[in-house]
Amino acid sequence: MNLLSNKKLLYLLSFIATIIFSIIPGIGMKIDGTYRFFGFPAQWLGYYGDGQFSFEVFGLLLNFLVFSFFLILLNKILKKILEI
């Protein structure tokens, strides 16, 4: 059985990976003075202090698609390995 054949599971895991990798300091969280930027590989959230945020939809979408691609690729590799 293919673990990621369920699209909802794939989407959920991609979204969770996007959030987790975004908050890891040094990987997804970048600090520039008092500003904080979140996102890996693309920035999708910025915090400027005093409750001011910026949100970049295309950055979030790109991160989601990148993690979806890697999860599908990982799933195919594991499927090939486990068939042997």
Protein backbone atom coordinates (compact mmCIF):
# COMPACT_ATOMS: atom_id res chain seq x y z
CA MET A 1 0.00 0.00 0.00
CA ASN A 2 1.22 3.44 -0.90
CA LEU A 3 1.38 5.59 2.25
CA LEU A 4 0.96 8.90 0.45
CA SER A 5 -1.72 7.73 -1.96
CA ASN A 6 -4.16 9.66 0.21
CA LYS A 7 -3.90 13.25 -1.05
CA LYS A 8 -5.25 14.71 2.19
CA LEU A 9 -2.40 13.08 4.12
CA LEU A 10 0.13 14.40 1.62
CA TYR A 11 -1.27 17.92 1.92
CA LEU A 12 -1.34 17.76 5.70
CA LEU A 13 2.26 16.51 5.93
CA SER A 14 3.42 19.17 3.45
CA PHE A 15 1.72 21.91 5.44
CA ILE A 16 3.17 20.64 8.73
CA ALA A 17 6.66 20.43 7.20
CA THR A 18 6.29 23.98 5.87
CA ILE A 19 5.43 25.30 9.32
CA ILE A 20 8.07 23.28 11.18
CA PHE A 21 10.92 24.19 8.84
CA SER A 22 9.84 27.84 8.97
CA ILE A 23 10.34 28.16 12.72
CA ILE A 24 13.73 26.41 12.99
CA PRO A 25 16.33 29.09 13.80
CA GLY A 26 19.07 29.29 11.20
CA ILE A 27 17.11 27.33 8.61
CA GLY A 28 13.70 28.93 8.28
CA MET A 29 13.86 31.84 10.74
CA LYS A 30 16.10 34.75 9.85
CA ILE A 31 16.65 37.72 12.15
CA ASP A 32 17.56 41.11 10.71
CA GLY A 33 17.84 43.58 13.57
CA THR A 34 14.44 43.58 15.24
CA TYR A 35 12.73 42.01 12.21
CA ARG A 36 12.05 38.31 11.92
CA PHE A 37 11.43 36.50 8.65
CA PHE A 38 10.05 32.98 8.41
CA GLY A 39 10.08 30.46 5.59
CA PHE A 40 12.20 27.81 3.96
CA PRO A 41 13.12 27.77 1.10
CA ALA A 42 11.11 30.95 0.41
CA GLN A 43 10.11 33.61 2.93
CA TRP A 44 6.38 33.73 3.52
CA LEU A 45 5.97 35.51 6.86
CA GLY A 46 7.62 38.59 8.30
CA TYR A 47 7.27 40.09 11.77
CA TYR A 48 8.30 43.72 12.18
CA GLY A 49 7.36 44.30 15.83
CA ASP A 50 4.40 46.09 17.40
CA GLY A 51 2.02 43.55 15.87
CA GLN A 52 2.99 44.29 12.26
CA PHE A 53 3.17 41.28 9.98
CA SER A 54 3.67 40.65 6.29
CA PHE A 55 2.30 37.57 4.58
CA GLU A 56 3.44 36.35 1.17
CA VAL A 57 1.04 33.88 -0.39
CA PHE A 58 3.36 32.85 -3.21
CA GLY A 59 6.19 32.08 -0.78
CA LEU A 60 3.89 29.86 1.27
CA LEU A 61 2.60 28.15 -1.89
CA LEU A 62 6.13 27.59 -3.16
CA ASN A 63 7.23 26.06 0.16
CA PHE A 64 4.15 23.84 0.21
CA LEU A 65 4.83 22.62 -3.34
CA VAL A 66 8.53 21.98 -2.62
CA PHE A 67 7.72 19.86 0.43
CA SER A 68 4.96 18.04 -1.49
CA PHE A 69 7.44 17.24 -4.25
CA PHE A 70 10.04 15.92 -1.80
CA LEU A 71 7.48 13.82 0.06
CA ILE A 72 6.28 12.26 -3.20
CA LEU A 73 9.88 11.63 -4.25
CA LEU A 74 10.73 10.11 -0.86
CA ASN A 75 7.63 7.94 -1.06
CA LYS A 76 8.65 6.62 -4.50
CA ILE A 77 12.20 5.89 -3.34
CA LEU A 78 11.00 4.04 -0.24
CA LYS A 79 8.50 2.10 -2.33
CA LYS A 80 11.28 0.95 -4.68
CA ILE A 81 13.58 0.01 -1.78
CA LEU A 82 10.91 -1.94 0.05
CA GLU A 83 9.95 -3.94 -3.08
CA ILE A 84 13.40 -5.54 -3.27
